[in-house]
């Protein structure tokens, strides 16, 4: 029997929990997850969490939680970084998963 581990916590999870989480489709997402996914109109769209927050009018803390779950489900992908001109800090760029050609 194969052990499954949560990519987020690193803890062992049941096979059924692992299978149900990875079987999520866009239709089964909660309302706020759909709002986040709607920000991405194509492969070329890359956004930071702050940009998603501005586009959806969701609090940054809500966006971070929704993005984390979408990353865990492989519906979004980290696609690079950008330096914030105001703070000088590096921010992750998020986008739809790259399609293999």
C-alpha atoms as a PDB file:
ATOM      1  CA  UNK A   1       0.000   0.000   0.000  1.00  0.00           C
ATOM      2  CA  UNK A   2       1.352   3.409  -1.000  1.00  0.00           C
ATOM      3  CA  UNK A   3       1.477   6.225   1.570  1.00  0.00           C
ATOM      4  CA  UNK A   4       0.178   9.651   0.541  1.00  0.00           C
ATOM      5  CA  UNK A   5       1.418  12.920   1.995  1.00  0.00           C
ATOM      6  CA  UNK A   6      -0.114  16.365   1.951  1.00  0.00           C
ATOM      7  CA  UNK A   7       2.092  18.727  -0.098  1.00  0.00           C
ATOM      8  CA  UNK A   8       1.135  21.515   2.251  1.00  0.00           C
ATOM      9  CA  UNK A   9       1.643  19.992   5.689  1.00  0.00           C
ATOM     10  CA  UNK A  10       3.822  17.003   4.854  1.00  0.00           C
ATOM     11  CA  UNK A  11       1.547  14.800   6.958  1.00  0.00           C
ATOM     12  CA  UNK A  12       0.340  11.402   5.858  1.00  0.00           C
ATOM     13  CA  UNK A  13      -3.241  11.423   4.560  1.00  0.00           C
ATOM     14  CA  UNK A  14      -5.669   8.657   3.712  1.00  0.00           C
ATOM     15  CA  UNK A  15      -5.720   7.416   0.127  1.00  0.00           C
ATOM     16  CA  UNK A  16      -9.379   8.419  -0.180  1.00  0.00           C
ATOM     17  CA  UNK A  17      -8.621  11.943   1.045  1.00  0.00           C
ATOM     18  CA  UNK A  18      -5.755  12.228  -1.426  1.00  0.00           C
ATOM     19  CA  UNK A  19      -7.897  10.942  -4.314  1.00  0.00           C
ATOM     20  CA  UNK A  20     -10.861  13.175  -3.543  1.00  0.00           C
ATOM     21  CA  UNK A  21      -8.696  16.298  -3.257  1.00  0.00           C
ATOM     22  CA  UNK A  22      -6.969  15.650  -6.594  1.00  0.00           C
ATOM     23  CA  UNK A  23     -10.246  14.877  -8.344  1.00  0.00           C
ATOM     24  CA  UNK A  24     -11.522  18.450  -7.895  1.00  0.00           C
ATOM     25  CA  UNK A  25     -12.576  20.146 -11.104  1.00  0.00           C
ATOM     26  CA  UNK A  26     -13.093  23.858 -11.680  1.00  0.00           C
ATOM     27  CA  UNK A  27     -16.881  23.268 -11.472  1.00  0.00           C
ATOM     28  CA  UNK A  28     -16.487  21.960  -7.909  1.00  0.00           C
ATOM     29  CA  UNK A  29     -14.532  24.918  -6.558  1.00  0.00           C
ATOM     30  CA  UNK A  30     -16.020  27.212  -3.929  1.00  0.00           C
ATOM     31  CA  UNK A  31     -17.170  30.689  -4.946  1.00  0.00           C
ATOM     32  CA  UNK A  32     -13.993  32.495  -3.838  1.00  0.00           C
ATOM     33  CA  UNK A  33     -11.758  29.923  -5.563  1.00  0.00           C
ATOM     34  CA  UNK A  34     -13.717  30.540  -8.776  1.00  0.00           C
ATOM     35  CA  UNK A  35     -13.222  34.285  -8.331  1.00  0.00           C
ATOM     36  CA  UNK A  36      -9.456  33.729  -8.149  1.00  0.00           C
ATOM     37  CA  UNK A  37      -9.442  31.375 -11.160  1.00  0.00           C
ATOM     38  CA  UNK A  38     -11.474  33.898 -13.197  1.00  0.00           C
ATOM     39  CA  UNK A  39      -8.536  36.338 -12.960  1.00  0.00           C
ATOM     40  CA  UNK A  40      -6.498  34.083 -15.240  1.00  0.00           C
ATOM     41  CA  UNK A  41      -7.708  34.494 -18.832  1.00  0.00           C
ATOM     42  CA  UNK A  42      -4.940  32.487 -20.489  1.00  0.00           C
ATOM     43  CA  UNK A  43      -1.468  30.988 -20.210  1.00  0.00           C
ATOM     44  CA  UNK A  44       0.153  34.418 -20.511  1.00  0.00           C
ATOM     45  CA  UNK A  45      -1.652  35.867 -17.459  1.00  0.00           C
ATOM     46  CA  UNK A  46       0.733  36.047 -14.498  1.00  0.00           C
ATOM     47  CA  UNK A  47      -0.420  37.732 -11.289  1.00  0.00           C
ATOM     48  CA  UNK A  48       0.767  38.272  -7.739  1.00  0.00           C
ATOM     49  CA  UNK A  49      -1.511  37.592  -4.789  1.00  0.00           C
ATOM     50  CA  UNK A  50      -1.900  41.364  -4.285  1.00  0.00           C
ATOM     51  CA  UNK A  51      -3.019  41.801  -7.899  1.00  0.00           C
ATOM     52  CA  UNK A  52      -5.562  39.005  -7.457  1.00  0.00           C
ATOM     53  CA  UNK A  53      -6.795  40.720  -4.284  1.00  0.00           C
ATOM     54  CA  UNK A  54      -7.249  44.010  -6.159  1.00  0.00           C
ATOM     55  CA  UNK A  55      -9.094  42.358  -9.060  1.00  0.00           C
ATOM     56  CA  UNK A  56     -11.466  40.341  -6.864  1.00  0.00           C
ATOM     57  CA  UNK A  57     -11.955  42.797  -3.967  1.00  0.00           C
ATOM     58  CA  UNK A  58     -11.106  39.938  -1.592  1.00  0.00           C
ATOM     59  CA  UNK A  59      -8.870  40.525   1.420  1.00  0.00           C
ATOM     60  CA  UNK A  60      -5.268  39.485   0.833  1.00  0.00           C
ATOM     61  CA  UNK A  61      -5.549  36.875   3.600  1.00  0.00           C
ATOM     62  CA  UNK A  62      -8.530  35.288   1.804  1.00  0.00           C
ATOM     63  CA  UNK A  63      -6.667  35.293  -1.498  1.00  0.00           C
ATOM     64  CA  UNK A  64      -3.636  33.621   0.091  1.00  0.00           C
ATOM     65  CA  UNK A  65      -5.776  30.774   1.439  1.00  0.00           C
ATOM     66  CA  UNK A  66      -7.578  30.239  -1.862  1.00  0.00           C
ATOM     67  CA  UNK A  67      -4.313  30.373  -3.844  1.00  0.00           C
ATOM     68  CA  UNK A  68      -2.736  27.812  -1.489  1.00  0.00           C
ATOM     69  CA  UNK A  69      -5.582  25.350  -2.071  1.00  0.00           C
ATOM     70  CA  UNK A  70      -5.472  25.940  -5.848  1.00  0.00           C
ATOM     71  CA  UNK A  71      -1.689  25.380  -5.879  1.00  0.00           C
ATOM     72  CA  UNK A  72      -2.144  22.155  -3.887  1.00  0.00           C
ATOM     73  CA  UNK A  73      -4.765  20.977  -6.419  1.00  0.00           C
ATOM     74  CA  UNK A  74      -2.406  21.878  -9.321  1.00  0.00           C
ATOM     75  CA  UNK A  75      -4.977  24.283 -10.766  1.00  0.00           C
ATOM     76  CA  UNK A  76      -2.486  27.157 -10.382  1.00  0.00           C
ATOM     77  CA  UNK A  77       1.292  27.097 -10.628  1.00  0.00           C
ATOM     78  CA  UNK A  78       4.153  29.303  -9.416  1.00  0.00           C
ATOM     79  CA  UNK A  79       5.549  30.766 -12.624  1.00  0.00           C
ATOM     80  CA  UNK A  80       8.300  33.128 -11.504  1.00  0.00           C
ATOM     81  CA  UNK A  81       8.957  36.182  -9.360  1.00  0.00           C
ATOM     82  CA  UNK A  82       8.807  39.949  -9.677  1.00  0.00           C
ATOM     83  CA  UNK A  83      10.374  42.616  -7.472  1.00  0.00           C
ATOM     84  CA  UNK A  84       7.848  44.991  -5.908  1.00  0.00           C
ATOM     85  CA  UNK A  85       9.003  48.543  -6.662  1.00  0.00           C
ATOM     86  CA  UNK A  86       7.439  49.948  -3.482  1.00  0.00           C
ATOM     87  CA  UNK A  87       8.882  47.455  -0.997  1.00  0.00           C
ATOM     88  CA  UNK A  88      11.813  46.006  -2.937  1.00  0.00           C
ATOM     89  CA  UNK A  89      10.669  42.510  -1.940  1.00  0.00           C
ATOM     90  CA  UNK A  90      10.271  39.601  -4.321  1.00  0.00           C
ATOM     91  CA  UNK A  91       6.703  38.473  -5.089  1.00  0.00           C
ATOM     92  CA  UNK A  92       5.623  35.146  -6.592  1.00  0.00           C
ATOM     93  CA  UNK A  93       3.935  35.213  -9.963  1.00  0.00           C
ATOM     94  CA  UNK A  94       1.072  32.773 -10.320  1.00  0.00           C
ATOM     95  CA  UNK A  95      -0.473  31.429 -13.477  1.00  0.00           C
ATOM     96  CA  UNK A  96      -2.320  28.535 -15.008  1.00  0.00           C
ATOM     97  CA  UNK A  97      -0.236  25.361 -15.282  1.00  0.00           C
ATOM     98  CA  UNK A  98       1.903  25.252 -18.415  1.00  0.00           C
ATOM     99  CA  UNK A  99       0.508  22.986 -21.100  1.00  0.00           C
ATOM    100  CA  UNK A 100       3.016  20.522 -22.508  1.00  0.00           C
ATOM    101  CA  UNK A 101       3.228  20.692 -26.295  1.00  0.00           C
END
